[in-house]
Amino acid sequence: MKVPEFGVDTFGGVTKDAQGEPLPHAQVIRDLGEEAATADAVGLDFFGVGEHHREDFAVSSPEMVLAAIASRTTSIRLGSTVTVLSSDDPVRVYERFATLDAVSNGRAEIVAGRGSFTESFPLFGYDLQDYEVLFEEKLELLAALLKEEPVTWSGTTRASLHEQRVFPTTAEGIRGWVGVGGSPESVVHTARYGLGLFLAIIGGPADRFTAYVDLFERAQDEYGVPHQPVAVHSPGLVAETDQQARALVFDGWMAMRQRMVRDRGWPPPSVGDFEREVETGSLYIGSPETVARRIAATIRALGVDRFDLKYDQPVTHADLMRSIELYGEKVVPLVTDMLSD
C-alpha cells in the first residue's frame, strides 16, 4: 500500500494557561508559529490553519498566520482548513494564496469549504438563504482561477469577468482541495472541478465515508478528469499514555459538544459517547501506539492519500507541542510500518 502523507490542522482553538484559564487570542496566534515549526522539524507534510469568526477560536485570517509561519519553516506545506469560500471573494482568495505561495517558495494549498459555522455570513453581509448558490458559484470561479489562465465567468454572486488575468501567478500552481463534511453534492462538485477531496470526519466510524470516496472516484471517471488525492481530517491528541490523553481532552470535548447542542442543534452527549468516539469513532486520542493503530485502520479502510490530525484541543500550548512531537516522531513511523505489513 502506498504510504500517505501526514499533516496536522488547527482551528486556532483557544488554549489554556497552567491554571486552566483561556489565553488571549494574540498569544494563541503567536504560539501557532512554534507549533508549526515543530511540525516542520519532525518531518510532517502539511500544516493547516482554519478560519473562524467567534470567541473560542483565535484565527480569522489564516493566510496572515500562514505567511508568518512560512518564515519559520522550510519544507512543510501550508494551507487553510478551511477557507470559508461562501463568504469570501474567490479572486481575493486566489491572490492571497498566490502571495503565500511566493512567500513560502511554492508550499501553499487552499482548502475551500462552506465552513462548519455560519458567523461569517452576517459578518460580511451574506444571506444564509443563499448558502448553496454562494458556494457553488464561488467554487466554480475559484477552480477557474487556479488554472492561472484568462478567466471568463458570470454568475449572480459577484461581478462577471471577461478574459481576466489575476496576479501574482505561481511557479507550479496551487494545490486546491474542497473540504467536505457529508454532502454527496459537494463530492461531485469537487470531482467536476478537478480538486482534491478533503474529508472532515469528526464523529462516528471513519469507514462510513467509504461511499464518499467511491463516489468521488466514479464522478472523476464520468467527468473524464485525472484522479485527485483524498485527505482525511479528524480530531485527536497524542500523549505518553492512553489515560493521560483521555484526561487531557475529556473536559474540553464535553464543553465543545455542549456548544454544538446550543449552536447547531446536535443531540446532547450521552453516557459513553466519549469512550465510543475514542475507541471506534473519529477521535484519535491516546498513546502513540493507540493512535497509530487507529490511523492505520482508517487509511486502510478509505485508501486516502493524506491523514491530518486536528491536534488543537483546549489544553496547554505545552500539551499541543508534545502531541505534535509524538505524532511526527512516533505515530507516523508506526503507521508506516503497519501499512507495509
C-alpha atoms as a PDB file:
ATOM      1  CA  MET A   1       0.000   0.000   0.000  1.00  0.00           C
ATOM      2  CA  LYS A   2       1.284   3.473  -0.888  1.00  0.00           C
ATOM      3  CA  VAL A   3       2.455   5.423   2.151  1.00  0.00           C
ATOM      4  CA  PRO A   4       0.266   8.518   2.535  1.00  0.00           C
ATOM      5  CA  GLU A   5       1.248  11.994   3.631  1.00  0.00           C
ATOM      6  CA  PHE A   6       0.695  13.068   7.234  1.00  0.00           C
ATOM      7  CA  GLY A   7      -0.282  16.505   8.422  1.00  0.00           C
ATOM      8  CA  VAL A   8      -1.704  18.456  11.343  1.00  0.00           C
ATOM      9  CA  ASP A   9      -4.502  21.011  11.373  1.00  0.00           C
ATOM     10  CA  THR A  10      -5.537  23.650  13.867  1.00  0.00           C
ATOM     11  CA  PHE A  11      -8.614  25.824  14.046  1.00  0.00           C
ATOM     12  CA  GLY A  12      -6.705  28.199  16.305  1.00  0.00           C
ATOM     13  CA  GLY A  13      -8.780  26.983  19.225  1.00  0.00           C
ATOM     14  CA  VAL A  14      -8.151  28.966  22.394  1.00  0.00           C
ATOM     15  CA  THR A  15      -5.717  27.106  24.639  1.00  0.00           C
ATOM     16  CA  LYS A  16      -5.260  27.338  28.416  1.00  0.00           C
ATOM     17  CA  ASP A  17      -2.566  28.528  30.765  1.00  0.00           C
ATOM     18  CA  ALA A  18      -1.169  26.387  33.589  1.00  0.00           C
ATOM     19  CA  GLN A  19      -4.097  27.415  35.834  1.00  0.00           C
ATOM     20  CA  GLY A  20      -6.674  26.343  33.262  1.00  0.00           C
ATOM     21  CA  GLU A  21      -7.634  29.864  32.181  1.00  0.00           C
ATOM     22  CA  PRO A  22      -8.045  30.710  28.471  1.00  0.00           C
ATOM     23  CA  LEU A  23      -5.132  32.503  26.856  1.00  0.00           C
ATOM     24  CA  PRO A  24      -5.604  35.783  24.946  1.00  0.00           C
ATOM     25  CA  HIS A  25      -6.179  35.395  21.217  1.00  0.00           C
ATOM     26  CA  ALA A  26      -2.901  37.148  20.432  1.00  0.00           C
ATOM     27  CA  GLN A  27      -0.894  34.632  22.449  1.00  0.00           C
ATOM     28  CA  VAL A  28      -2.680  31.689  20.827  1.00  0.00           C
ATOM     29  CA  ILE A  29      -1.794  33.076  17.386  1.00  0.00           C
ATOM     30  CA  ARG A  30       1.856  33.580  18.350  1.00  0.00           C
ATOM     31  CA  ASP A  31       2.011  30.030  19.712  1.00  0.00           C
ATOM     32  CA  LEU A  32       0.883  28.671  16.343  1.00  0.00           C
ATOM     33  CA  GLY A  33       4.230  29.679  14.856  1.00  0.00           C
ATOM     34  CA  GLU A  34       6.097  27.495  17.337  1.00  0.00           C
ATOM     35  CA  GLU A  35       3.693  24.613  16.780  1.00  0.00           C
ATOM     36  CA  ALA A  36       4.165  24.829  13.004  1.00  0.00           C
ATOM     37  CA  ALA A  37       7.955  24.994  13.365  1.00  0.00           C
ATOM     38  CA  THR A  38       7.813  21.822  15.455  1.00  0.00           C
ATOM     39  CA  ALA A  39       5.632  20.085  12.847  1.00  0.00           C
ATOM     40  CA  ASP A  40       8.198  21.034  10.211  1.00  0.00           C
ATOM     41  CA  ALA A  41      11.110  19.840  12.364  1.00  0.00           C
ATOM     42  CA  VAL A  42       9.587  16.371  12.915  1.00  0.00           C
ATOM     43  CA  GLY A  43       9.046  15.915   9.180  1.00  0.00           C
ATOM     44  CA  LEU A  44       5.289  16.290   8.778  1.00  0.00           C
ATOM     45  CA  ASP A  45       3.956  17.056   5.307  1.00  0.00           C
ATOM     46  CA  PHE A  46       1.265  19.671   5.962  1.00  0.00           C
ATOM     47  CA  PHE A  47       0.227  22.327   8.468  1.00  0.00           C
ATOM     48  CA  GLY A  48      -3.312  23.659   8.140  1.00  0.00           C
ATOM     49  CA  VAL A  49      -4.975  26.643   9.824  1.00  0.00           C
ATOM     50  CA  GLY A  50      -8.738  27.101   9.911  1.00  0.00           C
ATOM     51  CA  GLU A  51     -10.867  30.236   9.599  1.00  0.00           C
ATOM     52  CA  HIS A  52     -13.412  31.132  12.271  1.00  0.00           C
ATOM     53  CA  HIS A  53     -15.129  34.287  13.467  1.00  0.00           C
ATOM     54  CA  ARG A  54     -16.070  33.507  17.054  1.00  0.00           C
ATOM     55  CA  GLU A  55     -14.691  33.890  20.565  1.00  0.00           C
ATOM     56  CA  ASP A  56     -13.448  30.325  21.098  1.00  0.00           C
ATOM     57  CA  PHE A  57     -11.156  30.440  18.032  1.00  0.00           C
ATOM     58  CA  ALA A  58      -8.263  32.874  17.581  1.00  0.00           C
ATOM     59  CA  VAL A  59      -7.743  32.804  13.801  1.00  0.00           C
ATOM     60  CA  SER A  60      -9.976  34.762  11.439  1.00  0.00           C
ATOM     61  CA  SER A  61      -7.286  35.304   8.766  1.00  0.00           C
ATOM     62  CA  PRO A  62      -5.419  32.029   8.106  1.00  0.00           C
ATOM     63  CA  GLU A  63      -3.317  33.482   5.282  1.00  0.00           C
ATOM     64  CA  MET A  64      -1.767  36.076   7.594  1.00  0.00           C
ATOM     65  CA  VAL A  65      -0.842  33.408  10.121  1.00  0.00           C
ATOM     66  CA  LEU A  66       0.483  31.081   7.417  1.00  0.00           C
ATOM     67  CA  ALA A  67       2.629  33.843   5.929  1.00  0.00           C
ATOM     68  CA  ALA A  68       4.261  34.344   9.319  1.00  0.00           C
ATOM     69  CA  ILE A  69       4.696  30.583   9.656  1.00  0.00           C
ATOM     70  CA  ALA A  70       6.356  30.430   6.228  1.00  0.00           C
ATOM     71  CA  SER A  71       9.281  32.439   7.600  1.00  0.00           C
ATOM     72  CA  ARG A  72       9.778  29.903  10.418  1.00  0.00           C
ATOM     73  CA  THR A  73       9.580  26.721   8.325  1.00  0.00           C
ATOM     74  CA  THR A  74      11.363  25.263   5.319  1.00  0.00           C
ATOM     75  CA  SER A  75       9.622  22.162   3.973  1.00  0.00           C
ATOM     76  CA  ILE A  76       6.132  21.667   5.363  1.00  0.00           C
ATOM     77  CA  ARG A  77       3.239  22.593   3.071  1.00  0.00           C
ATOM     78  CA  LEU A  78       0.917  25.322   4.365  1.00  0.00           C
ATOM     79  CA  GLY A  79      -2.800  25.724   3.814  1.00  0.00           C
ATOM     80  CA  SER A  80      -6.201  26.709   5.123  1.00  0.00           C
ATOM     81  CA  THR A  81      -8.518  24.202   6.777  1.00  0.00           C
ATOM     82  CA  VAL A  82     -10.812  25.670   5.639  1.00  0.00           C
ATOM     83  CA  THR A  83     -11.197  28.983   3.821  1.00  0.00           C
ATOM     84  CA  VAL A  84     -14.903  29.825   4.103  1.00  0.00           C
ATOM     85  CA  LEU A  85     -15.350  30.436   0.392  1.00  0.00           C
ATOM     86  CA  SER A  86     -19.076  31.211   0.541  1.00  0.00           C
ATOM     87  CA  SER A  87     -18.467  34.470   2.433  1.00  0.00           C
ATOM     88  CA  ASP A  88     -15.260  35.463   0.665  1.00  0.00           C
ATOM     89  CA  ASP A  89     -14.330  36.587  -2.834  1.00  0.00           C
ATOM     90  CA  PRO A  90     -12.626  33.908  -4.967  1.00  0.00           C
ATOM     91  CA  VAL A  91     -10.380  36.454  -6.685  1.00  0.00           C
ATOM     92  CA  ARG A  92      -9.070  37.738  -3.363  1.00  0.00           C
ATOM     93  CA  VAL A  93      -8.717  34.167  -2.074  1.00  0.00           C
ATOM     94  CA  TYR A  94      -6.588  33.266  -5.083  1.00  0.00           C
ATOM     95  CA  GLU A  95      -4.487  36.440  -4.764  1.00  0.00           C
ATOM     96  CA  ARG A  96      -3.803  35.898  -1.071  1.00  0.00           C
ATOM     97  CA  PHE A  97      -2.766  32.277  -1.519  1.00  0.00           C
ATOM     98  CA  ALA A  98      -0.685  33.024  -4.601  1.00  0.00           C
ATOM     99  CA  THR A  99       1.145  35.560  -2.445  1.00  0.00           C
ATOM    100  CA  LEU A 100       1.555  32.942   0.299  1.00  0.00           C
ATOM    101  CA  ASP A 101       2.897  30.566  -2.323  1.00  0.00           C
ATOM    102  CA  ALA A 102       5.569  33.113  -3.239  1.00  0.00           C
ATOM    103  CA  VAL A 103       6.480  33.826   0.374  1.00  0.00           C
ATOM    104  CA  SER A 104       6.727  30.114   1.191  1.00  0.00           C
ATOM    105  CA  ASN A 105       8.592  29.162  -2.006  1.00  0.00           C
ATOM    106  CA  GLY A 106       5.785  27.087  -3.506  1.00  0.00           C
ATOM    107  CA  ARG A 107       4.266  25.479  -0.397  1.00  0.00           C
ATOM    108  CA  ALA A 108       0.733  26.945  -0.394  1.00  0.00           C
ATOM    109  CA  GLU A 109      -2.505  24.953  -0.575  1.00  0.00           C
ATOM    110  CA  ILE A 110      -6.140  26.076  -0.491  1.00  0.00           C
ATOM    111  CA  VAL A 111      -8.819  24.013   1.232  1.00  0.00           C
ATOM    112  CA  ALA A 112     -12.085  25.734   0.361  1.00  0.00           C
ATOM    113  CA  GLY A 113     -15.302  24.901   2.150  1.00  0.00           C
ATOM    114  CA  ARG A 114     -18.707  26.019   3.279  1.00  0.00           C
ATOM    115  CA  GLY A 115     -17.442  26.322   6.868  1.00  0.00           C
ATOM    116  CA  SER A 116     -18.554  24.433   9.946  1.00  0.00           C
ATOM    117  CA  PHE A 117     -20.057  27.612  11.448  1.00  0.00           C
ATOM    118  CA  THR A 118     -22.046  30.409   9.807  1.00  0.00           C
ATOM    119  CA  GLU A 119     -20.926  33.529  11.720  1.00  0.00           C
ATOM    120  CA  SER A 120     -19.122  34.852   8.644  1.00  0.00           C
ATOM    121  CA  PHE A 121     -22.379  35.212   6.679  1.00  0.00           C
ATOM    122  CA  PRO A 122     -23.955  38.086   8.672  1.00  0.00           C
ATOM    123  CA  LEU A 123     -20.486  39.471   9.442  1.00  0.00           C
ATOM    124  CA  PHE A 124     -19.767  40.052   5.739  1.00  0.00           C
ATOM    125  CA  GLY A 125     -23.321  40.795   4.653  1.00  0.00           C
ATOM    126  CA  TYR A 126     -24.407  37.477   3.116  1.00  0.00           C
ATOM    127  CA  ASP A 127     -27.823  35.867   3.406  1.00  0.00           C
ATOM    128  CA  LEU A 128     -27.942  32.276   4.663  1.00  0.00           C
ATOM    129  CA  GLN A 129     -30.804  31.682   2.238  1.00  0.00           C
ATOM    130  CA  ASP A 130     -28.151  31.892  -0.498  1.00  0.00           C
ATOM    131  CA  TYR A 131     -25.992  29.237   1.214  1.00  0.00           C
ATOM    132  CA  GLU A 132     -25.974  26.800  -1.705  1.00  0.00           C
ATOM    133  CA  VAL A 133     -25.646  29.198  -4.623  1.00  0.00           C
ATOM    134  CA  LEU A 134     -22.881  31.172  -2.918  1.00  0.00           C
ATOM    135  CA  PHE A 135     -20.703  28.113  -2.536  1.00  0.00           C
ATOM    136  CA  GLU A 136     -21.459  26.584  -5.929  1.00  0.00           C
ATOM    137  CA  GLU A 137     -20.785  29.773  -7.922  1.00  0.00           C
ATOM    138  CA  LYS A 138     -17.699  30.757  -5.969  1.00  0.00           C
ATOM    139  CA  LEU A 139     -16.212  27.275  -6.171  1.00  0.00           C
ATOM    140  CA  GLU A 140     -16.678  27.328  -9.939  1.00  0.00           C
ATOM    141  CA  LEU A 141     -14.832  30.642 -10.147  1.00  0.00           C
ATOM    142  CA  LEU A 142     -12.019  29.612  -7.797  1.00  0.00           C
ATOM    143  CA  ALA A 143     -11.431  26.426  -9.793  1.00  0.00           C
ATOM    144  CA  ALA A 144     -11.100  28.518 -12.949  1.00  0.00           C
ATOM    145  CA  LEU A 145      -8.690  30.947 -11.277  1.00  0.00           C
ATOM    146  CA  LEU A 146      -6.457  28.114 -10.073  1.00  0.00           C
ATOM    147  CA  LYS A 147      -5.704  27.265 -13.703  1.00  0.00           C
ATOM    148  CA  GLU A 148      -3.936  30.653 -13.939  1.00  0.00           C
ATOM    149  CA  GLU A 149      -5.353  31.373 -17.394  1.00  0.00           C
ATOM    150  CA  PRO A 150      -7.585  34.244 -18.582  1.00  0.00           C
ATOM    151  CA  VAL A 151     -10.970  33.745 -16.904  1.00  0.00           C
ATOM    152  CA  THR A 152     -14.399  34.428 -18.337  1.00  0.00           C
ATOM    153  CA  TRP A 153     -17.121  33.867 -15.748  1.00  0.00           C
ATOM    154  CA  SER A 154     -20.588  35.112 -14.880  1.00  0.00           C
ATOM    155  CA  GLY A 155     -22.957  34.419 -12.024  1.00  0.00           C
ATOM    156  CA  THR A 156     -25.293  36.010  -9.506  1.00  0.00           C
ATOM    157  CA  THR A 157     -22.981  36.442  -6.509  1.00  0.00           C
ATOM    158  CA  ARG A 158     -20.333  38.862  -7.830  1.00  0.00           C
ATOM    159  CA  ALA A 159     -19.372  40.877 -10.904  1.00  0.00           C
ATOM    160  CA  SER A 160     -18.653  38.987 -14.114  1.00  0.00           C
ATOM    161  CA  LEU A 161     -15.154  38.531 -15.522  1.00  0.00           C
ATOM    162  CA  HIS A 162     -14.165  38.584 -19.197  1.00  0.00           C
ATOM    163  CA  GLU A 163     -10.770  37.231 -20.248  1.00  0.00           C
ATOM    164  CA  GLN A 164      -9.456  38.489 -16.915  1.00  0.00           C
ATOM    165  CA  ARG A 165      -5.940  37.645 -15.698  1.00  0.00           C
ATOM    166  CA  VAL A 166      -5.323  37.553 -11.957  1.00  0.00           C
ATOM    167  CA  PHE A 167      -1.932  38.040 -10.319  1.00  0.00           C
ATOM    168  CA  PRO A 168       0.510  37.073  -8.964  1.00  0.00           C
ATOM    169  CA  THR A 169       0.989  33.860 -10.874  1.00  0.00           C
ATOM    170  CA  THR A 170       2.840  30.940  -9.308  1.00  0.00           C
ATOM    171  CA  ALA A 171       5.666  28.718 -10.471  1.00  0.00           C
ATOM    172  CA  GLU A 172       3.802  25.397 -10.339  1.00  0.00           C
ATOM    173  CA  GLY A 173       0.211  26.270  -9.404  1.00  0.00           C
ATOM    174  CA  ILE A 174      -1.546  25.951  -6.068  1.00  0.00           C
ATOM    175  CA  ARG A 175      -2.915  22.607  -4.922  1.00  0.00           C
ATOM    176  CA  GLY A 176      -6.652  23.054  -4.350  1.00  0.00           C
ATOM    177  CA  TRP A 177      -8.987  20.975  -2.180  1.00  0.00           C
ATOM    178  CA  VAL A 178     -12.613  21.127  -1.151  1.00  0.00           C
ATOM    179  CA  GLY A 179     -13.471  20.414   2.468  1.00  0.00           C
ATOM    180  CA  VAL A 180     -16.492  18.110   2.650  1.00  0.00           C
ATOM    181  CA  GLY A 181     -18.296  17.134   5.821  1.00  0.00           C
ATOM    182  CA  GLY A 182     -21.024  14.867   4.491  1.00  0.00           C
ATOM    183  CA  SER A 183     -22.622  16.270   1.331  1.00  0.00           C
ATOM    184  CA  PRO A 184     -22.621  13.983  -1.738  1.00  0.00           C
ATOM    185  CA  GLU A 185     -23.276  17.050  -3.894  1.00  0.00           C
ATOM    186  CA  SER A 186     -20.034  18.616  -2.663  1.00  0.00           C
ATOM    187  CA  VAL A 187     -18.162  15.429  -3.516  1.00  0.00           C
ATOM    188  CA  VAL A 188     -19.445  15.588  -7.082  1.00  0.00           C
ATOM    189  CA  HIS A 189     -18.626  19.311  -7.396  1.00  0.00           C
ATOM    190  CA  THR A 190     -15.094  18.586  -6.175  1.00  0.00           C
ATOM    191  CA  ALA A 191     -14.633  15.931  -8.844  1.00  0.00           C
ATOM    192  CA  ARG A 192     -16.090  18.144 -11.557  1.00  0.00           C
ATOM    193  CA  TYR A 193     -13.561  20.908 -10.938  1.00  0.00           C
ATOM    194  CA  GLY A 194     -10.525  18.642 -10.639  1.00  0.00           C
ATOM    195  CA  LEU A 195      -9.813  19.446  -6.990  1.00  0.00           C
ATOM    196  CA  GLY A 196      -8.713  17.218  -4.128  1.00  0.00           C
ATOM    197  CA  LEU A 197     -11.293  15.822  -1.694  1.00  0.00           C
ATOM    198  CA  PHE A 198     -10.664  16.821   1.936  1.00  0.00           C
ATOM    199  CA  LEU A 199     -12.989  14.785   4.176  1.00  0.00           C
ATOM    200  CA  ALA A 200     -13.747  16.304   7.580  1.00  0.00           C
ATOM    201  CA  ILE A 201     -14.607  13.245   9.663  1.00  0.00           C
ATOM    202  CA  ILE A 202     -15.347  14.492  13.157  1.00  0.00           C
ATOM    203  CA  GLY A 203     -17.651  11.806  14.517  1.00  0.00           C
ATOM    204  CA  GLY A 204     -18.589   8.165  14.095  1.00  0.00           C
ATOM    205  CA  PRO A 205     -16.611   5.390  12.404  1.00  0.00           C
ATOM    206  CA  ALA A 206     -14.438   6.596   9.552  1.00  0.00           C
ATOM    207  CA  ASP A 207     -15.373   3.694   7.278  1.00  0.00           C
ATOM    208  CA  ARG A 208     -18.859   5.166   6.812  1.00  0.00           C
ATOM    209  CA  PHE A 209     -17.149   7.589   4.402  1.00  0.00           C
ATOM    210  CA  THR A 210     -16.136   4.775   2.045  1.00  0.00           C
ATOM    211  CA  ALA A 211     -19.162   5.600  -0.101  1.00  0.00           C
ATOM    212  CA  TYR A 212     -17.925   9.191  -0.499  1.00  0.00           C
ATOM    213  CA  VAL A 213     -14.503   8.050  -1.681  1.00  0.00           C
ATOM    214  CA  ASP A 214     -16.159   5.662  -4.148  1.00  0.00           C
ATOM    215  CA  LEU A 215     -18.484   8.426  -5.369  1.00  0.00           C
ATOM    216  CA  PHE A 216     -15.503  10.740  -5.848  1.00  0.00           C
ATOM    217  CA  GLU A 217     -13.678   8.192  -7.992  1.00  0.00           C
ATOM    218  CA  ARG A 218     -16.777   7.413 -10.087  1.00  0.00           C
ATOM    219  CA  ALA A 219     -17.546  11.103 -10.604  1.00  0.00           C
ATOM    220  CA  GLN A 220     -13.992  11.808 -11.760  1.00  0.00           C
ATOM    221  CA  ASP A 221     -14.279   8.971 -14.279  1.00  0.00           C
ATOM    222  CA  GLU A 222     -17.610  10.283 -15.541  1.00  0.00           C
ATOM    223  CA  TYR A 223     -16.194  13.806 -15.954  1.00  0.00           C
ATOM    224  CA  GLY A 224     -13.098  12.390 -17.615  1.00  0.00           C
ATOM    225  CA  VAL A 225     -10.697  14.238 -15.307  1.00  0.00           C
ATOM    226  CA  PRO A 226      -7.474  12.942 -13.730  1.00  0.00           C
ATOM    227  CA  HIS A 227      -7.937  11.404 -10.295  1.00  0.00           C
ATOM    228  CA  GLN A 228      -7.095  13.812  -7.473  1.00  0.00           C
ATOM    229  CA  PRO A 229      -5.947  12.960  -3.923  1.00  0.00           C
ATOM    230  CA  VAL A 230      -8.220  12.308  -0.961  1.00  0.00           C
ATOM    231  CA  ALA A 231      -7.357  13.511   2.544  1.00  0.00           C
ATOM    232  CA  VAL A 232      -8.965  12.887   5.935  1.00  0.00           C
ATOM    233  CA  HIS A 233      -9.071  15.429   8.743  1.00  0.00           C
ATOM    234  CA  SER A 234     -10.079  14.217  12.227  1.00  0.00           C
ATOM    235  CA  PRO A 235      -9.559  15.489  15.778  1.00  0.00           C
ATOM    236  CA  GLY A 236      -7.177  13.972  18.271  1.00  0.00           C
ATOM    237  CA  LEU A 237      -4.312  14.341  20.706  1.00  0.00           C
ATOM    238  CA  VAL A 238      -1.261  12.190  21.371  1.00  0.00           C
ATOM    239  CA  ALA A 239       0.176  11.844  24.880  1.00  0.00           C
ATOM    240  CA  GLU A 240       2.516   9.430  26.622  1.00  0.00           C
ATOM    241  CA  THR A 241      -0.324   7.109  27.720  1.00  0.00           C
ATOM    242  CA  ASP A 242      -3.951   6.486  26.850  1.00  0.00           C
ATOM    243  CA  GLN A 243      -5.038   7.542  30.323  1.00  0.00           C
ATOM    244  CA  GLN A 244      -3.160  10.838  30.149  1.00  0.00           C
ATOM    245  CA  ALA A 245      -4.533  11.685  26.705  1.00  0.00           C
ATOM    246  CA  ARG A 246      -8.124  10.991  27.711  1.00  0.00           C
ATOM    247  CA  ALA A 247      -7.795  13.018  30.897  1.00  0.00           C
ATOM    248  CA  LEU A 248      -6.390  15.984  28.974  1.00  0.00           C
ATOM    249  CA  VAL A 249      -9.136  16.021  26.345  1.00  0.00           C
ATOM    250  CA  PHE A 250     -12.352  14.944  28.097  1.00  0.00           C
ATOM    251  CA  ASP A 251     -13.459  18.240  29.680  1.00  0.00           C
ATOM    252  CA  GLY A 252     -12.820  20.229  26.506  1.00  0.00           C
ATOM    253  CA  TRP A 253     -14.556  17.634  24.342  1.00  0.00           C
ATOM    254  CA  MET A 254     -17.626  17.719  26.599  1.00  0.00           C
ATOM    255  CA  ALA A 255     -17.713  21.527  26.559  1.00  0.00           C
ATOM    256  CA  MET A 256     -17.473  21.515  22.755  1.00  0.00           C
ATOM    257  CA  ARG A 257     -20.347  19.048  22.470  1.00  0.00           C
ATOM    258  CA  GLN A 258     -22.484  21.225  24.719  1.00  0.00           C
ATOM    259  CA  ARG A 259     -21.736  24.234  22.476  1.00  0.00           C
ATOM    260  CA  MET A 260     -22.813  22.193  19.454  1.00  0.00           C
ATOM    261  CA  VAL A 261     -26.080  21.379  21.217  1.00  0.00           C
ATOM    262  CA  ARG A 262     -26.735  25.112  21.633  1.00  0.00           C
ATOM    263  CA  ASP A 263     -25.334  26.381  18.343  1.00  0.00           C
ATOM    264  CA  ARG A 264     -26.184  23.662  15.848  1.00  0.00           C
ATOM    265  CA  GLY A 265     -28.976  21.626  17.382  1.00  0.00           C
ATOM    266  CA  TRP A 266     -26.914  18.487  17.912  1.00  0.00           C
ATOM    267  CA  PRO A 267     -28.330  15.929  20.372  1.00  0.00           C
ATOM    268  CA  PRO A 268     -26.786  16.209  23.841  1.00  0.00           C
ATOM    269  CA  PRO A 269     -23.933  13.788  24.579  1.00  0.00           C
ATOM    270  CA  SER A 270     -24.964  10.580  26.295  1.00  0.00           C
ATOM    271  CA  VAL A 271     -23.071   8.341  28.678  1.00  0.00           C
ATOM    272  CA  GLY A 272     -20.275   6.542  26.847  1.00  0.00           C
ATOM    273  CA  ASP A 273     -20.169   8.833  23.789  1.00  0.00           C
ATOM    274  CA  PHE A 274     -16.615   9.986  24.500  1.00  0.00           C
ATOM    275  CA  GLU A 275     -15.319   6.454  25.011  1.00  0.00           C
ATOM    276  CA  ARG A 276     -17.037   5.228  21.835  1.00  0.00           C
ATOM    277  CA  GLU A 277     -15.500   8.030  19.775  1.00  0.00           C
ATOM    278  CA  VAL A 278     -12.049   7.285  21.188  1.00  0.00           C
ATOM    279  CA  GLU A 279     -12.302   3.525  20.723  1.00  0.00           C
ATOM    280  CA  THR A 280     -14.208   3.146  17.462  1.00  0.00           C
ATOM    281  CA  GLY A 281     -15.115   6.620  16.208  1.00  0.00           C
ATOM    282  CA  SER A 282     -13.158   9.554  14.842  1.00  0.00           C
ATOM    283  CA  LEU A 283     -11.429  10.846  17.958  1.00  0.00           C
ATOM    284  CA  TYR A 284      -7.770   9.828  17.704  1.00  0.00           C
ATOM    285  CA  ILE A 285      -6.713  10.146  21.323  1.00  0.00           C
ATOM    286  CA  GLY A 286      -4.170   8.076  23.210  1.00  0.00           C
ATOM    287  CA  SER A 287      -0.606   6.884  23.308  1.00  0.00           C
ATOM    288  CA  PRO A 288       1.438   6.792  20.091  1.00  0.00           C
ATOM    289  CA  GLU A 289       0.709   3.081  19.692  1.00  0.00           C
ATOM    290  CA  THR A 290      -3.049   3.515  20.146  1.00  0.00           C
ATOM    291  CA  VAL A 291      -3.316   6.495  17.811  1.00  0.00           C
ATOM    292  CA  ALA A 292      -1.121   4.813  15.181  1.00  0.00           C
ATOM    293  CA  ARG A 293      -3.298   1.711  15.202  1.00  0.00           C
ATOM    294  CA  ARG A 294      -6.467   3.777  14.754  1.00  0.00           C
ATOM    295  CA  ILE A 295      -4.990   5.904  11.955  1.00  0.00           C
ATOM    296  CA  ALA A 296      -3.669   2.860  10.087  1.00  0.00           C
ATOM    297  CA  ALA A 297      -7.142   1.293  10.205  1.00  0.00           C
ATOM    298  CA  THR A 298      -8.699   4.459   8.770  1.00  0.00           C
ATOM    299  CA  ILE A 299      -6.155   4.692   5.960  1.00  0.00           C
ATOM    300  CA  ARG A 300      -6.715   1.033   5.069  1.00  0.00           C
ATOM    301  CA  ALA A 301     -10.496   1.463   5.087  1.00  0.00           C
ATOM    302  CA  LEU A 302     -10.583   4.584   2.921  1.00  0.00           C
ATOM    303  CA  GLY A 303      -7.354   4.356   0.910  1.00  0.00           C
ATOM    304  CA  VAL A 304      -6.640   8.049   1.482  1.00  0.00           C
ATOM    305  CA  ASP A 305      -3.556   9.938   0.334  1.00  0.00           C
ATOM    306  CA  ARG A 306      -3.159  12.063   3.462  1.00  0.00           C
ATOM    307  CA  PHE A 307      -4.216  11.903   7.096  1.00  0.00           C
ATOM    308  CA  ASP A 308      -4.383  15.192   9.002  1.00  0.00           C
ATOM    309  CA  LEU A 309      -4.729  15.183  12.779  1.00  0.00           C
ATOM    310  CA  LYS A 310      -6.678  18.203  14.028  1.00  0.00           C
ATOM    311  CA  TYR A 311      -4.442  18.495  17.035  1.00  0.00           C
ATOM    312  CA  ASP A 312      -5.803  21.623  18.708  1.00  0.00           C
ATOM    313  CA  GLN A 313      -7.663  20.907  21.907  1.00  0.00           C
ATOM    314  CA  PRO A 314      -8.446  23.256  24.834  1.00  0.00           C
ATOM    315  CA  VAL A 315      -5.309  22.207  26.704  1.00  0.00           C
ATOM    316  CA  THR A 316      -1.994  23.996  27.231  1.00  0.00           C
ATOM    317  CA  HIS A 317       0.392  25.018  24.477  1.00  0.00           C
ATOM    318  CA  ALA A 318       2.960  22.631  26.003  1.00  0.00           C
ATOM    319  CA  ASP A 319       0.490  19.730  25.663  1.00  0.00           C
ATOM    320  CA  LEU A 320      -0.059  20.575  21.997  1.00  0.00           C
ATOM    321  CA  MET A 321       3.664  20.822  21.347  1.00  0.00           C
ATOM    322  CA  ARG A 322       4.232  17.406  22.880  1.00  0.00           C
ATOM    323  CA  SER A 323       1.356  15.966  20.855  1.00  0.00           C
ATOM    324  CA  ILE A 324       2.904  17.214  17.593  1.00  0.00           C
ATOM    325  CA  GLU A 325       6.299  15.799  18.581  1.00  0.00           C
ATOM    326  CA  LEU A 326       4.856  12.376  19.407  1.00  0.00           C
ATOM    327  CA  TYR A 327       2.754  12.357  16.246  1.00  0.00           C
ATOM    328  CA  GLY A 328       5.723  13.076  13.985  1.00  0.00           C
ATOM    329  CA  GLU A 329       8.402  11.118  15.799  1.00  0.00           C
ATOM    330  CA  LYS A 330       6.447   8.041  16.893  1.00  0.00           C
ATOM    331  CA  VAL A 331       2.947   7.810  15.401  1.00  0.00           C
ATOM    332  CA  VAL A 332       3.888   8.374  11.749  1.00  0.00           C
ATOM    333  CA  PRO A 333       6.707   5.773  11.731  1.00  0.00           C
ATOM    334  CA  LEU A 334       4.422   3.275  13.462  1.00  0.00           C
ATOM    335  CA  VAL A 335       1.630   3.839  10.914  1.00  0.00           C
ATOM    336  CA  THR A 336       4.121   3.498   8.045  1.00  0.00           C
ATOM    337  CA  ASP A 337       5.302   0.159   9.438  1.00  0.00           C
ATOM    338  CA  MET A 338       1.732  -1.072   9.932  1.00  0.00           C
ATOM    339  CA  LEU A 339       0.771  -0.203   6.364  1.00  0.00           C
ATOM    340  CA  SER A 340       3.790  -2.028   4.968  1.00  0.00           C
ATOM    341  CA  ASP A 341       2.693  -5.358   6.521  1.00  0.00           C
END
